[in-house]
Amino acid sequence: MKIHPNLTIEQVVNEFSSKFPGLKLELYSEEHKEGENSAPSSMLDHSKKLKEINPSLSEVELILDPQMKVSELENEFKNTFGLNV
């Protein structure tokens, strides 16, 4: 899955859903604590471009492994892209 600055959140969410039907991906303005859910009020608008959230974001290929744990996916988004899942 290619992630680049001009993608909207909606495009990322749709791409993820096409690869993993039945799973939902959301991006948030704030990080949540381990074992807790993210606050619905911090969910980002799907029309925002990734560069609006992280101006230093560059194009990267994200390798999604079906065996990944949720925490591993969250860490990958945070550490690689500076995005909260």
N, C-alpha and C. Protein backbone atom coordinates (compact mmCIF):
# COMPACT_ATOMS: atom_id res chain seq x y z
N MET A 1 0.86 -1.17 0.00
CA MET A 1 0.00 0.00 0.00
C MET A 1 0.90 1.22 0.00
N LYS A 2 0.76 2.06 -1.04
CA LYS A 2 1.58 3.27 -1.12
C LYS A 2 0.90 4.40 -0.35
N ILE A 3 1.68 5.03 0.47
CA ILE A 3 1.21 6.19 1.23
C ILE A 3 2.01 7.39 0.73
N HIS A 4 1.30 8.44 0.30
CA HIS A 4 1.99 9.65 -0.12
C HIS A 4 1.21 10.88 0.34
N PRO A 5 1.88 12.02 0.41
CA PRO A 5 1.30 13.24 1.00
C PRO A 5 -0.01 13.72 0.39
N ASN A 6 -0.25 13.46 -0.89
CA ASN A 6 -1.45 13.99 -1.53
C ASN A 6 -2.67 13.10 -1.39
N LEU A 7 -2.52 11.96 -0.75
CA LEU A 7 -3.68 11.10 -0.50
C LEU A 7 -4.57 11.74 0.56
N THR A 8 -5.88 11.56 0.41
CA THR A 8 -6.80 11.97 1.47
C THR A 8 -6.95 10.80 2.44
N ILE A 9 -7.44 11.11 3.62
CA ILE A 9 -7.70 10.05 4.59
C ILE A 9 -8.69 9.05 4.00
N GLU A 10 -9.69 9.56 3.28
CA GLU A 10 -10.69 8.68 2.67
C GLU A 10 -10.03 7.67 1.71
N GLN A 11 -9.06 8.12 0.94
CA GLN A 11 -8.36 7.22 0.02
C GLN A 11 -7.59 6.14 0.78
N VAL A 12 -6.95 6.51 1.87
CA VAL A 12 -6.20 5.54 2.68
C VAL A 12 -7.16 4.53 3.30
N VAL A 13 -8.26 5.02 3.85
CA VAL A 13 -9.27 4.16 4.47
C VAL A 13 -9.84 3.18 3.44
N ASN A 14 -10.17 3.67 2.25
CA ASN A 14 -10.73 2.82 1.21
C ASN A 14 -9.73 1.78 0.72
N GLU A 15 -8.48 2.18 0.56
CA GLU A 15 -7.43 1.24 0.13
C GLU A 15 -7.26 0.13 1.18
N PHE A 16 -7.22 0.52 2.44
CA PHE A 16 -7.08 -0.46 3.52
C PHE A 16 -8.27 -1.42 3.52
N SER A 17 -9.47 -0.88 3.39
CA SER A 17 -10.68 -1.71 3.39
C SER A 17 -10.72 -2.67 2.21
N SER A 18 -10.18 -2.26 1.07
CA SER A 18 -10.17 -3.15 -0.10
C SER A 18 -9.22 -4.32 0.12
N LYS A 19 -8.16 -4.10 0.89
CA LYS A 19 -7.20 -5.17 1.18
C LYS A 19 -7.64 -6.04 2.36
N PHE A 20 -8.39 -5.44 3.28
CA PHE A 20 -8.83 -6.14 4.47
C PHE A 20 -10.32 -5.90 4.70
N PRO A 21 -11.17 -6.54 3.89
CA PRO A 21 -12.62 -6.36 4.05
C PRO A 21 -13.05 -6.74 5.47
N GLY A 22 -13.93 -5.94 6.01
CA GLY A 22 -14.42 -6.23 7.36
C GLY A 22 -13.63 -5.51 8.45
N LEU A 23 -12.46 -4.97 8.11
CA LEU A 23 -11.68 -4.21 9.09
C LEU A 23 -11.82 -2.73 8.76
N LYS A 24 -11.78 -1.91 9.80
CA LYS A 24 -11.95 -0.47 9.62
C LYS A 24 -10.71 0.26 10.11
N LEU A 25 -10.25 1.19 9.35
CA LEU A 25 -9.11 2.02 9.70
C LEU A 25 -9.59 3.45 9.85
N GLU A 26 -9.19 4.10 10.93
CA GLU A 26 -9.49 5.52 11.14
C GLU A 26 -8.21 6.21 11.58
N LEU A 27 -8.07 7.48 11.24
CA LEU A 27 -6.94 8.28 11.67
C LEU A 27 -7.42 9.33 12.66
N TYR A 28 -6.58 9.58 13.67
CA TYR A 28 -6.96 10.46 14.78
C TYR A 28 -5.90 11.53 14.99
N SER A 29 -6.32 12.64 15.55
CA SER A 29 -5.41 13.75 15.83
C SER A 29 -4.58 13.49 17.08
N GLU A 30 -5.06 12.59 17.93
CA GLU A 30 -4.35 12.30 19.19
C GLU A 30 -4.09 10.81 19.32
N GLU A 31 -2.99 10.49 19.97
CA GLU A 31 -2.63 9.11 20.24
C GLU A 31 -3.44 8.61 21.44
N HIS A 32 -3.82 7.34 21.43
CA HIS A 32 -4.54 6.80 22.58
C HIS A 32 -3.58 5.96 23.44
N LYS A 33 -3.95 5.74 24.67
CA LYS A 33 -3.14 4.93 25.57
C LYS A 33 -3.33 3.46 25.25
N GLU A 34 -2.31 2.67 25.56
CA GLU A 34 -2.37 1.24 25.30
C GLU A 34 -3.58 0.62 26.00
N GLY A 35 -4.34 -0.16 25.26
CA GLY A 35 -5.51 -0.83 25.83
C GLY A 35 -6.77 0.02 25.83
N GLU A 36 -6.66 1.26 25.38
CA GLU A 36 -7.82 2.16 25.34
C GLU A 36 -8.19 2.47 23.90
N ASN A 37 -9.43 2.89 23.70
CA ASN A 37 -9.89 3.32 22.39
C ASN A 37 -9.57 4.79 22.19
N SER A 38 -9.49 5.19 20.93
CA SER A 38 -9.30 6.61 20.62
C SER A 38 -10.62 7.34 20.84
N ALA A 39 -10.52 8.60 21.23
CA ALA A 39 -11.71 9.42 21.45
C ALA A 39 -12.36 9.73 20.10
N PRO A 40 -13.66 9.48 19.96
CA PRO A 40 -14.34 9.80 18.70
C PRO A 40 -14.16 11.26 18.28
N SER A 41 -14.04 12.15 19.25
CA SER A 41 -13.90 13.57 18.94
C SER A 41 -12.55 13.90 18.29
N SER A 42 -11.58 12.97 18.37
CA SER A 42 -10.28 13.23 17.76
C SER A 42 -10.14 12.59 16.38
N MET A 43 -11.24 11.99 15.87
CA MET A 43 -11.21 11.38 14.54
C MET A 43 -11.04 12.49 13.49
N LEU A 44 -10.14 12.27 12.56
CA LEU A 44 -9.85 13.27 11.54
C LEU A 44 -10.84 13.20 10.38
N ASP A 45 -11.13 14.35 9.81
CA ASP A 45 -12.02 14.48 8.67
C ASP A 45 -11.44 13.73 7.47
N HIS A 46 -12.23 12.89 6.85
CA HIS A 46 -11.77 12.06 5.74
C HIS A 46 -11.36 12.85 4.51
N SER A 47 -11.75 14.11 4.42
CA SER A 47 -11.38 14.91 3.25
C SER A 47 -9.98 15.52 3.37
N LYS A 48 -9.39 15.45 4.56
CA LYS A 48 -8.05 16.02 4.76
C LYS A 48 -7.01 15.21 4.01
N LYS A 49 -6.02 15.91 3.46
CA LYS A 49 -4.88 15.25 2.83
C LYS A 49 -3.85 14.94 3.92
N LEU A 50 -3.11 13.87 3.70
CA LEU A 50 -2.12 13.46 4.69
C LEU A 50 -1.08 14.55 4.94
N LYS A 51 -0.74 15.33 3.91
CA LYS A 51 0.25 16.39 4.09
C LYS A 51 -0.26 17.51 5.00
N GLU A 52 -1.58 17.61 5.17
CA GLU A 52 -2.13 18.59 6.10
C GLU A 52 -1.92 18.15 7.55
N ILE A 53 -1.84 16.85 7.75
CA ILE A 53 -1.66 16.30 9.09
C ILE A 53 -0.17 16.20 9.42
N ASN A 54 0.62 15.78 8.42
CA ASN A 54 2.06 15.63 8.61
C ASN A 54 2.76 16.21 7.38
N PRO A 55 3.15 17.49 7.44
CA PRO A 55 3.78 18.15 6.29
C PRO A 55 5.10 17.52 5.85
N SER A 56 5.76 16.78 6.72
CA SER A 56 7.05 16.17 6.36
C SER A 56 6.90 14.76 5.78
N LEU A 57 5.67 14.32 5.58
CA LEU A 57 5.41 12.99 5.06
C LEU A 57 5.95 12.85 3.63
N SER A 58 6.62 11.73 3.37
CA SER A 58 7.08 11.44 2.01
C SER A 58 6.44 10.13 1.56
N GLU A 59 6.55 9.83 0.28
CA GLU A 59 5.94 8.61 -0.25
C GLU A 59 6.68 7.38 0.26
N VAL A 60 5.92 6.44 0.78
CA VAL A 60 6.49 5.21 1.33
C VAL A 60 5.55 4.05 1.00
N GLU A 61 6.13 2.91 0.72
CA GLU A 61 5.36 1.69 0.51
C GLU A 61 5.17 1.03 1.87
N LEU A 62 3.94 0.86 2.28
CA LEU A 62 3.62 0.21 3.55
C LEU A 62 3.29 -1.25 3.26
N ILE A 63 4.06 -2.14 3.86
CA ILE A 63 3.82 -3.57 3.69
C ILE A 63 2.84 -4.01 4.78
N LEU A 64 1.66 -4.44 4.33
CA LEU A 64 0.63 -4.90 5.26
C LEU A 64 0.63 -6.42 5.28
N ASP A 65 0.94 -6.97 6.43
CA ASP A 65 0.97 -8.41 6.62
C ASP A 65 -0.32 -8.83 7.31
N PRO A 66 -1.08 -9.76 6.72
CA PRO A 66 -2.33 -10.20 7.35
C PRO A 66 -2.14 -10.76 8.77
N GLN A 67 -0.92 -11.14 9.10
CA GLN A 67 -0.64 -11.68 10.43
C GLN A 67 -0.26 -10.60 11.45
N MET A 68 -0.19 -9.34 10.99
CA MET A 68 0.17 -8.23 11.88
C MET A 68 -0.85 -8.07 13.00
N LYS A 69 -0.36 -7.74 14.17
CA LYS A 69 -1.24 -7.39 15.28
C LYS A 69 -1.67 -5.93 15.08
N VAL A 70 -2.80 -5.57 15.67
CA VAL A 70 -3.29 -4.20 15.58
C VAL A 70 -2.24 -3.23 16.12
N SER A 71 -1.62 -3.57 17.22
CA SER A 71 -0.60 -2.70 17.81
C SER A 71 0.58 -2.49 16.87
N GLU A 72 0.93 -3.51 16.09
CA GLU A 72 2.04 -3.38 15.13
C GLU A 72 1.65 -2.43 14.00
N LEU A 73 0.42 -2.54 13.54
CA LEU A 73 -0.06 -1.63 12.49
C LEU A 73 -0.10 -0.20 13.01
N GLU A 74 -0.60 -0.01 14.22
CA GLU A 74 -0.64 1.32 14.82
C GLU A 74 0.77 1.91 14.93
N ASN A 75 1.72 1.09 15.39
CA ASN A 75 3.10 1.56 15.52
C ASN A 75 3.72 1.90 14.18
N GLU A 76 3.42 1.11 13.15
CA GLU A 76 3.94 1.37 11.81
C GLU A 76 3.44 2.72 11.29
N PHE A 77 2.16 2.99 11.45
CA PHE A 77 1.61 4.27 11.02
C PHE A 77 2.22 5.43 11.80
N LYS A 78 2.36 5.25 13.10
CA LYS A 78 2.91 6.33 13.94
C LYS A 78 4.39 6.57 13.66
N ASN A 79 5.17 5.49 13.64
CA ASN A 79 6.63 5.65 13.49
C ASN A 79 7.04 6.02 12.07
N THR A 80 6.36 5.49 11.08
CA THR A 80 6.74 5.74 9.69
C THR A 80 6.12 7.02 9.14
N PHE A 81 4.88 7.28 9.48
CA PHE A 81 4.14 8.39 8.87
C PHE A 81 3.78 9.51 9.84
N GLY A 82 3.94 9.28 11.14
CA GLY A 82 3.53 10.28 12.11
C GLY A 82 2.03 10.40 12.21
N LEU A 83 1.31 9.30 11.92
CA LEU A 83 -0.16 9.31 11.93
C LEU A 83 -0.68 8.39 13.02
N ASN A 84 -1.73 8.84 13.71
CA ASN A 84 -2.35 8.06 14.78
C ASN A 84 -3.52 7.27 14.22
N VAL A 85 -3.49 5.97 14.46
CA VAL A 85 -4.54 5.06 13.99
C VAL A 85 -5.37 4.63 15.17
